[in-house]
């Protein structure tokens, strides 16, 4: 019976050592996983910061685009007004030339009468 007990104690000791080695291995793996998780969290935080900065830059670009579009519309209105003014001046110039021609004719008739 004593030999059986010793054999049983030996098996128990071997099993206990195997389990202890497995616990040490699993603990090391857990430490490694925790380190990798920490790195992943740092990367995720950096990615979040980059995404926030990108969104802010996109909003700024959109605001600048809206401002540029408004300025372009203002310039288009000014150009249209300038075209209208040029057309008006051209019409006046044409009328002026016609009046000048009529005045020259009237002056010629007046001189002919004198």
C-alpha atoms as a PDB file:
ATOM      1  CA  UNK A   1       0.000   0.000   0.000  1.00  0.00           C
ATOM      2  CA  UNK A   2       2.870   2.325   0.749  1.00  0.00           C
ATOM      3  CA  UNK A   3       4.311   1.821  -2.751  1.00  0.00           C
ATOM      4  CA  UNK A   4       0.923   2.605  -4.252  1.00  0.00           C
ATOM      5  CA  UNK A   5       0.723   5.742  -2.132  1.00  0.00           C
ATOM      6  CA  UNK A   6       4.203   6.817  -3.224  1.00  0.00           C
ATOM      7  CA  UNK A   7       3.300   6.206  -6.838  1.00  0.00           C
ATOM      8  CA  UNK A   8       0.096   8.180  -6.408  1.00  0.00           C
ATOM      9  CA  UNK A   9       1.970  11.048  -4.712  1.00  0.00           C
ATOM     10  CA  UNK A  10       4.541  11.020  -7.557  1.00  0.00           C
ATOM     11  CA  UNK A  11       1.781  11.234 -10.175  1.00  0.00           C
ATOM     12  CA  UNK A  12       0.132  14.021  -8.220  1.00  0.00           C
ATOM     13  CA  UNK A  13       3.446  15.893  -8.007  1.00  0.00           C
ATOM     14  CA  UNK A  14       4.045  15.473 -11.748  1.00  0.00           C
ATOM     15  CA  UNK A  15       0.505  16.643 -12.505  1.00  0.00           C
ATOM     16  CA  UNK A  16       0.913  19.596 -10.124  1.00  0.00           C
ATOM     17  CA  UNK A  17       4.235  20.565 -11.785  1.00  0.00           C
ATOM     18  CA  UNK A  18       2.661  20.281 -15.241  1.00  0.00           C
ATOM     19  CA  UNK A  19      -0.220  22.456 -14.141  1.00  0.00           C
ATOM     20  CA  UNK A  20       2.134  24.959 -12.560  1.00  0.00           C
ATOM     21  CA  UNK A  21       4.182  25.115 -15.793  1.00  0.00           C
ATOM     22  CA  UNK A  22       0.957  25.612 -17.766  1.00  0.00           C
ATOM     23  CA  UNK A  23      -0.069  28.441 -15.407  1.00  0.00           C
ATOM     24  CA  UNK A  24       3.360  30.089 -15.865  1.00  0.00           C
ATOM     25  CA  UNK A  25       3.050  29.729 -19.668  1.00  0.00           C
ATOM     26  CA  UNK A  26      -0.507  31.108 -19.671  1.00  0.00           C
ATOM     27  CA  UNK A  27       0.517  33.981 -17.394  1.00  0.00           C
ATOM     28  CA  UNK A  28       3.359  34.865 -19.789  1.00  0.00           C
ATOM     29  CA  UNK A  29       0.918  34.699 -22.710  1.00  0.00           C
ATOM     30  CA  UNK A  30      -1.518  36.904 -20.795  1.00  0.00           C
ATOM     31  CA  UNK A  31       1.241  39.477 -20.197  1.00  0.00           C
ATOM     32  CA  UNK A  32       2.082  39.425 -23.902  1.00  0.00           C
ATOM     33  CA  UNK A  33      -1.590  39.860 -24.823  1.00  0.00           C
ATOM     34  CA  UNK A  34      -1.924  42.759 -22.400  1.00  0.00           C
ATOM     35  CA  UNK A  35       1.125  44.459 -23.933  1.00  0.00           C
ATOM     36  CA  UNK A  36      -0.281  43.968 -27.442  1.00  0.00           C
ATOM     37  CA  UNK A  37      -3.648  45.300 -26.302  1.00  0.00           C
ATOM     38  CA  UNK A  38      -1.910  48.373 -24.862  1.00  0.00           C
ATOM     39  CA  UNK A  39      -0.142  48.966 -28.177  1.00  0.00           C
ATOM     40  CA  UNK A  40      -3.398  48.475 -30.086  1.00  0.00           C
ATOM     41  CA  UNK A  41      -5.144  50.988 -27.811  1.00  0.00           C
ATOM     42  CA  UNK A  42      -2.349  53.521 -28.384  1.00  0.00           C
ATOM     43  CA  UNK A  43      -2.625  53.020 -32.146  1.00  0.00           C
ATOM     44  CA  UNK A  44      -6.422  53.373 -31.976  1.00  0.00           C
ATOM     45  CA  UNK A  45      -6.080  56.586 -29.947  1.00  0.00           C
ATOM     46  CA  UNK A  46      -3.588  57.996 -32.460  1.00  0.00           C
ATOM     47  CA  UNK A  47      -5.912  57.012 -35.317  1.00  0.00           C
ATOM     48  CA  UNK A  48      -8.797  58.763 -33.540  1.00  0.00           C
ATOM     49  CA  UNK A  49      -6.724  61.933 -33.156  1.00  0.00           C
ATOM     50  CA  UNK A  50      -5.757  61.782 -36.836  1.00  0.00           C
ATOM     51  CA  UNK A  51      -9.399  61.253 -37.831  1.00  0.00           C
ATOM     52  CA  UNK A  52     -10.488  64.215 -35.687  1.00  0.00           C
ATOM     53  CA  UNK A  53      -7.796  66.400 -37.243  1.00  0.00           C
ATOM     54  CA  UNK A  54      -8.814  65.237 -40.714  1.00  0.00           C
ATOM     55  CA  UNK A  55     -12.471  66.061 -40.012  1.00  0.00           C
ATOM     56  CA  UNK A  56     -11.493  69.509 -38.708  1.00  0.00           C
ATOM     57  CA  UNK A  57      -9.377  70.129 -41.820  1.00  0.00           C
ATOM     58  CA  UNK A  58     -12.265  68.977 -44.039  1.00  0.00           C
ATOM     59  CA  UNK A  59     -14.639  71.370 -42.263  1.00  0.00           C
ATOM     60  CA  UNK A  60     -12.147  74.214 -42.717  1.00  0.00           C
ATOM     61  CA  UNK A  61     -11.753  73.351 -46.400  1.00  0.00           C
ATOM     62  CA  UNK A  62     -15.537  73.243 -46.823  1.00  0.00           C
ATOM     63  CA  UNK A  63     -15.847  76.660 -45.158  1.00  0.00           C
ATOM     64  CA  UNK A  64     -13.125  78.062 -47.429  1.00  0.00           C
ATOM     65  CA  UNK A  65     -14.887  76.558 -50.453  1.00  0.00           C
ATOM     66  CA  UNK A  66     -18.190  78.168 -49.455  1.00  0.00           C
ATOM     67  CA  UNK A  67     -16.393  81.496 -48.980  1.00  0.00           C
ATOM     68  CA  UNK A  68     -14.728  81.142 -52.399  1.00  0.00           C
ATOM     69  CA  UNK A  69     -18.072  80.292 -54.017  1.00  0.00           C
ATOM     70  CA  UNK A  70     -19.670  83.368 -52.435  1.00  0.00           C
ATOM     71  CA  UNK A  71     -16.780  85.534 -53.672  1.00  0.00           C
ATOM     72  CA  UNK A  72     -17.101  84.009 -57.143  1.00  0.00           C
ATOM     73  CA  UNK A  73     -20.818  84.832 -57.168  1.00  0.00           C
ATOM     74  CA  UNK A  74     -20.044  88.410 -56.082  1.00  0.00           C
ATOM     75  CA  UNK A  75     -17.431  88.723 -58.838  1.00  0.00           C
ATOM     76  CA  UNK A  76     -19.871  87.307 -61.396  1.00  0.00           C
ATOM     77  CA  UNK A  77     -22.417  89.939 -60.337  1.00  0.00           C
ATOM     78  CA  UNK A  78     -19.782  92.678 -60.631  1.00  0.00           C
ATOM     79  CA  UNK A  79     -18.763  91.411 -64.076  1.00  0.00           C
ATOM     80  CA  UNK A  80     -22.399  91.377 -65.198  1.00  0.00           C
ATOM     81  CA  UNK A  81     -22.806  94.952 -63.916  1.00  0.00           C
ATOM     82  CA  UNK A  82     -19.631  96.000 -65.754  1.00  0.00           C
ATOM     83  CA  UNK A  83     -20.902  94.399 -68.974  1.00  0.00           C
ATOM     84  CA  UNK A  84     -24.157  96.318 -68.608  1.00  0.00           C
ATOM     85  CA  UNK A  85     -22.198  99.543 -68.030  1.00  0.00           C
ATOM     86  CA  UNK A  86     -20.021  98.864 -71.087  1.00  0.00           C
ATOM     87  CA  UNK A  87     -23.157  98.240 -73.170  1.00  0.00           C
ATOM     88  CA  UNK A  88     -24.668 101.515 -71.878  1.00  0.00           C
ATOM     89  CA  UNK A  89     -21.460 103.448 -72.624  1.00  0.00           C
ATOM     90  CA  UNK A  90     -21.263 101.857 -76.077  1.00  0.00           C
ATOM     91  CA  UNK A  91     -24.848 102.919 -76.774  1.00  0.00           C
ATOM     92  CA  UNK A  92     -24.120 106.460 -75.570  1.00  0.00           C
ATOM     93  CA  UNK A  93     -20.968 106.529 -77.708  1.00  0.00           C
ATOM     94  CA  UNK A  94     -23.006 105.465 -80.742  1.00  0.00           C
ATOM     95  CA  UNK A  95     -25.584 108.151 -80.032  1.00  0.00           C
ATOM     96  CA  UNK A  96     -22.799 110.687 -79.547  1.00  0.00           C
ATOM     97  CA  UNK A  97     -21.271 109.797 -82.902  1.00  0.00           C
ATOM     98  CA  UNK A  98     -24.692 110.079 -84.561  1.00  0.00           C
ATOM     99  CA  UNK A  99     -25.346 113.450 -82.897  1.00  0.00           C
ATOM    100  CA  UNK A 100     -21.859 114.630 -83.893  1.00  0.00           C
ATOM    101  CA  UNK A 101     -22.534 113.606 -87.469  1.00  0.00           C
ATOM    102  CA  UNK A 102     -25.914 115.369 -87.414  1.00  0.00           C
ATOM    103  CA  UNK A 103     -24.253 118.472 -85.914  1.00  0.00           C
ATOM    104  CA  UNK A 104     -21.612 118.439 -88.655  1.00  0.00           C
ATOM    105  CA  UNK A 105     -24.379 118.206 -91.277  1.00  0.00           C
ATOM    106  CA  UNK A 106     -26.290 121.041 -89.615  1.00  0.00           C
ATOM    107  CA  UNK A 107     -23.116 123.160 -89.479  1.00  0.00           C
ATOM    108  CA  UNK A 108     -22.488 122.462 -93.168  1.00  0.00           C
ATOM    109  CA  UNK A 109     -26.069 123.486 -94.037  1.00  0.00           C
ATOM    110  CA  UNK A 110     -25.687 126.629 -91.905  1.00  0.00           C
ATOM    111  CA  UNK A 111     -22.481 127.583 -93.663  1.00  0.00           C
ATOM    112  CA  UNK A 112     -24.130 126.942 -97.001  1.00  0.00           C
ATOM    113  CA  UNK A 113     -26.931 129.312 -96.039  1.00  0.00           C
ATOM    114  CA  UNK A 114     -24.481 131.982 -94.973  1.00  0.00           C
END
